Amino acid sequence: MEIVKIVILSVSSLMLLYVGAMRLSNPIKNYLENSGITLPNEVNLLNEMRGVSSVMLCGGIIILLGTIIPSLTLTSYVVAGLIFLGFALGRFISMAVDGKPNKKIIQGIWFEIVLGIANVFGSVNTWV
């Protein structure tokens, strides 16, 4: 079971670290490549995108720490579950209000749901 916990936290942290860092460093290029979204070079929108990206990056750091510091494992699971399921919830609300997004975003939703549920499972097993 310990290996499963490490894998869940590692995959979750690496995903957030990678996406957060890439979108923080160059949001215009990385949103287009990863989501098929074309961002205009508009300072306020880029500021918002970088803000969300830095939250993802910092969340990834906290989650990664849970793989090496046992006292942070439960916290890491909770943070990961909230981030991934929070993104999925927001996307489902957007789909209901705004319509169906492109294929890349729908694939992302599935990753968010799977990782979110895996982290909730891990947090329950850690807490109990």
Protein backbone atom coordinates (compact mmCIF):
# COMPACT_ATOMS: atom_id res chain seq x y z
CA MET A 1 0.00 0.00 0.00
CA GLU A 2 2.89 2.36 0.72
CA ILE A 3 4.08 2.18 -2.90
CA VAL A 4 0.58 3.06 -4.13
CA LYS A 5 0.54 6.13 -1.87
CA ILE A 6 3.91 7.27 -3.16
CA VAL A 7 2.83 6.76 -6.78
CA ILE A 8 -0.42 8.71 -6.30
CA LEU A 9 1.33 11.63 -4.63
CA SER A 10 4.26 11.57 -7.06
CA VAL A 11 2.09 11.59 -10.18
CA SER A 12 -0.13 14.30 -8.71
CA SER A 13 2.81 16.50 -7.72
CA LEU A 14 4.68 16.04 -10.99
CA MET A 15 1.58 16.92 -12.99
CA LEU A 16 1.02 20.13 -11.02
CA LEU A 17 4.71 21.04 -10.96
CA TYR A 18 5.05 20.60 -14.71
CA VAL A 19 1.84 22.33 -15.75
CA GLY A 20 2.27 25.09 -13.17
CA ALA A 21 5.87 25.83 -14.17
CA MET A 22 5.18 25.72 -17.92
CA ARG A 23 2.13 27.96 -17.73
CA LEU A 24 3.85 30.33 -15.30
CA SER A 25 6.87 30.71 -17.56
CA ASN A 26 5.02 31.13 -20.88
CA PRO A 27 1.22 31.02 -20.61
CA ILE A 28 0.50 31.97 -24.23
CA LYS A 29 2.57 29.12 -25.69
CA ASN A 30 1.68 26.48 -23.09
CA TYR A 31 -2.07 27.03 -23.02
CA LEU A 32 -2.14 26.66 -26.82
CA GLU A 33 0.00 23.48 -26.81
CA ASN A 34 -1.67 21.76 -23.84
CA SER A 35 -5.29 22.92 -24.08
CA GLY A 36 -5.71 24.26 -27.59
CA ILE A 37 -6.53 27.69 -26.13
CA THR A 38 -5.23 30.81 -27.83
CA LEU A 39 -4.52 33.52 -25.27
CA PRO A 40 -4.25 37.13 -26.42
CA ASN A 41 -1.22 39.07 -25.22
CA GLU A 42 -3.34 41.01 -22.71
CA VAL A 43 -1.70 41.94 -19.43
CA ASN A 44 -4.72 41.36 -17.14
CA LEU A 45 -5.56 37.94 -18.58
CA LEU A 46 -1.90 36.87 -18.46
CA ASN A 47 -1.72 38.04 -14.86
CA GLU A 48 -4.70 35.82 -13.96
CA MET A 49 -3.24 32.84 -15.85
CA ARG A 50 0.12 33.20 -14.10
CA GLY A 51 -1.64 33.52 -10.73
CA VAL A 52 -3.48 30.22 -11.19
CA SER A 53 -0.29 28.63 -12.52
CA SER A 54 1.66 29.63 -9.42
CA VAL A 55 -1.06 28.10 -7.20
CA MET A 56 -0.68 24.86 -9.18
CA LEU A 57 3.11 24.99 -8.81
CA CYS A 58 2.94 25.64 -5.05
CA GLY A 59 0.34 22.89 -4.63
CA GLY A 60 2.69 20.54 -6.47
CA ILE A 61 5.49 21.41 -4.04
CA ILE A 62 3.30 20.68 -1.00
CA ILE A 63 2.14 17.39 -2.51
CA LEU A 64 5.71 16.36 -3.34
CA LEU A 65 6.77 17.08 0.25
CA GLY A 66 4.14 14.56 1.38
CA THR A 67 6.10 11.80 -0.36
CA ILE A 68 9.21 12.44 1.75
CA ILE A 69 7.84 13.89 5.01
CA PRO A 70 5.39 11.43 6.59
CA SER A 71 3.69 14.09 8.74
CA LEU A 72 2.66 15.95 5.55
CA THR A 73 1.19 12.94 3.73
CA LEU A 74 -2.42 13.55 4.79
CA THR A 75 -2.10 17.28 4.04
CA SER A 76 -0.68 16.47 0.61
CA TYR A 77 -3.59 14.17 -0.20
CA VAL A 78 -6.12 16.77 0.89
CA VAL A 79 -4.43 19.55 -1.11
CA ALA A 80 -4.19 17.35 -4.21
CA GLY A 81 -7.80 16.19 -3.90
CA LEU A 82 -9.05 19.76 -3.53
CA ILE A 83 -7.01 21.05 -6.47
CA PHE A 84 -7.89 18.26 -8.90
CA LEU A 85 -11.55 17.88 -7.93
CA GLY A 86 -11.89 21.67 -7.70
CA PHE A 87 -10.70 22.04 -11.28
CA ALA A 88 -13.03 19.23 -12.40
CA LEU A 89 -16.00 20.81 -10.61
CA GLY A 90 -15.30 24.18 -12.20
CA ARG A 91 -15.04 22.57 -15.62
CA PHE A 92 -18.34 20.72 -15.17
CA ILE A 93 -20.04 23.98 -14.16
CA SER A 94 -18.53 25.64 -17.23
CA MET A 95 -19.75 22.80 -19.46
CA ALA A 96 -23.28 23.26 -18.11
CA VAL A 97 -23.22 27.05 -18.47
CA ASP A 98 -20.88 27.66 -21.43
CA GLY A 99 -21.05 24.47 -23.50
CA LYS A 100 -18.75 21.58 -24.36
CA PRO A 101 -15.00 22.37 -24.53
CA ASN A 102 -12.48 20.91 -26.96
CA LYS A 103 -11.11 17.34 -26.84
CA LYS A 104 -7.86 18.30 -25.04
CA ILE A 105 -9.77 19.91 -22.18
CA ILE A 106 -12.13 16.94 -21.87
CA GLN A 107 -9.09 14.64 -21.62
CA GLY A 108 -7.76 16.91 -18.88
CA ILE A 109 -11.04 16.61 -16.98
CA TRP A 110 -10.63 12.82 -16.90
CA PHE A 111 -7.09 13.15 -15.50
CA GLU A 112 -8.36 15.58 -12.87
CA ILE A 113 -11.19 13.24 -11.84
CA VAL A 114 -8.94 10.17 -11.65
CA LEU A 115 -6.19 11.93 -9.71
CA GLY A 116 -8.73 13.69 -7.48
CA ILE A 117 -10.46 10.42 -6.57
CA ALA A 118 -7.11 8.66 -6.07
CA ASN A 119 -6.04 11.38 -3.65
CA VAL A 120 -9.33 11.24 -1.75
CA PHE A 121 -8.86 7.46 -1.50
CA GLY A 122 -5.31 8.01 -0.24
CA SER A 123 -6.41 10.59 2.33
CA VAL A 124 -9.12 8.29 3.70
CA ASN A 125 -6.63 5.41 4.00
CA THR A 126 -4.06 7.67 5.67
CA TRP A 127 -6.55 9.16 8.10
CA VAL A 128 -8.13 5.86 9.14
